[in-house]
Every structure is written in C-alpha cells, then in structure tokens.
Amino acid sequence: MRRRVVSLALLAVCVVAGLTTCYTRQGGGIVAGSAHLEAIVRALTDGDPAVAIHNLVPAGMCPGHYDMKPSDVAAVAGAQVVLLHDWQQGMPGVKRLVEAANVPPERLHILQVEGNWMTPEAHGRAVQAVAEVLSQQPEADGQVYAERAAGLVEAGRALEEQARRELDKAEVSGMKVVVSEKQAPVLAWAGFDVVGTFGRAEELSVADVEALVALAKEQHISLVVVNLQSGDTEMGKAIAREAGAVHVVLTNFPGGFPGTETWEQALATNVDRLVEAVAKARGGDD
C-alpha cells in the first residue's frame, strides 16, 4: 500500500513538472538536505562508493530558493536516511518534498545544531550529530562512526589552529567589515569587527543600500564580504566601491567554489580569500 501511495505521489509531481517519465529508487541510500550534510556523510562513510548519497540543494544555490524535482522525490521516497537542517523544516519546497515522498518518521532526521557550520566549533557538533544518526542504522558499526567523527573533529581543530596563525599573521583582528548576514558568524570567528550586516540583494531597498554605504564610510571599513549562495554579488561590489573598501566573496557551503568539496577545503579557501583581501585593503596587492 505504501509503495502505491509513493508511486502516485511521484506521478503527480511528474505531471505537475510536465515530465513524461518518472522513476522511483529502491534500495536505500542517504538523502542530504545540503552540501554541508553531503560532505559530512561522505567523510563519515570514508567516501565509500557503495553508499548512495543524494544532495537536495546544489552547493552554490541559496537553500531558500530550493524547489523540489521529481528526482528528489524519488530519492527521498527510497532513502534509508533523510538528513535535514532544522531551518529546512519550514521551507515550502522541503515541506512539499517530505509530504510527496511520504517519508516514515523513523527515516527522517532533523538535525538541531546551532551556529554557522563553516565555523569549526559548529562543524564539529554537526559531524557528531550526523555520526550518531548513521550509527543507529541497521547493521551500522557505531564504533567506526564514532572513531571517524572524532578524527574529523580533531582535524577540524588542527585546521582552525592553522587558520588562526594565518589570520593573526595578516593582523585581521579588529578590522572593520560590513558583511552578508550569513557570513557574519564566520567573520566574527576570524577576528574581524563586524559593524554592519545585510541580507540578500533582492531583499534590500535603495534606502537600505544607501544606509549601508553611509555606515561603511562612517566606520572606515576595510572589507565588504558577500555570501556566494545569496546570489547577486554586484550590490556588494557597489557598496565596496562607494566605501573605498575591498569586495570579497566567501562560500557558506562546501563545494561552492571549485576544489572545495570538503568542509576543510572550503574553510581553507575562505581564509585564503580573506587574507588576500586584507593584503589588498592595506595596499599590498594591486
């Protein structure tokens, strides 16, 4: 009966999407609600090609713009584990997806992990939360997952120490910045003085932009930091140009830039971009 209900739901989605074919995927697998979750699952499963992982939101996309596809419904309907962030629960596209796929409660796992996952502390908590879910699955070796999680957390601490050394060398502490609200926790972690934040460009009025420019000039900011996944970066460039600051784009998810498929690579790239931007702001880079 359940299989028939799922099949009907999938058919309905295909009709709405205007597709002539649709499919279901049987045999389990893991659905990750974001590139963060996908990267953590891949790390915890040690890149095992036998573990099928389906990521719902591409790394460079704003999660708020997600809309379900028939392939997503098929993947979720057949998944053994569905991992979502707590903030995804209220998103219309995700809600429709869970309903269309008729996900059993025991397969749906909402992760309550506070903080920006690009910061080492929050990422460490996320790793442990995902490891706990995976270790509870049938035939899972909980000790293996616990050991891998501990190794990833330790690697994160080591990377944080290295990043701190690079940021300290660049003398970023106290430098004033205006940043995308999604990147504010990362800049605060890095040691910058966040004097102003802004949302997606589509959410800002002309008056909002003028106020940001006035604040940036008044505070003599050094950087305007934009979030890749928030979309249009031209607004950030305009603010930086008006304020005489350096414009820099960071990723809020692994995979946002080429060669950043792991969290470690993404964090290292963000730090490199910040250090380069600081050097440019100080006149060390033309």
Foldseek 3Di string as FASTA:
>chain_A
DLVVLLVVLLVVQCVVVVHPDADADADAAEEEAALLRVQLVCLLVVNPPVHHYHYQDAQLAQSLPGADDSVLLRNQLHHQAYEEEQVCCPRPRVVSSCVSSVHDPLRYDYDDQDDQCLQLVSVLVVSVRVLVSQCPDPPHDSVSSVVSSVVVSVVSVVLLVVLQVLLVVLVQAAAEEEEAPSCVRVCVSSRYHDPYHDYQPVPDDPVRLVVLLVSLQVVLHAEYEYESNSDDCVSSVVSCVSNVHFYFYAYSHAPNDPPRSHSSSRSVVRSVRVSVRSCVSVVNPD
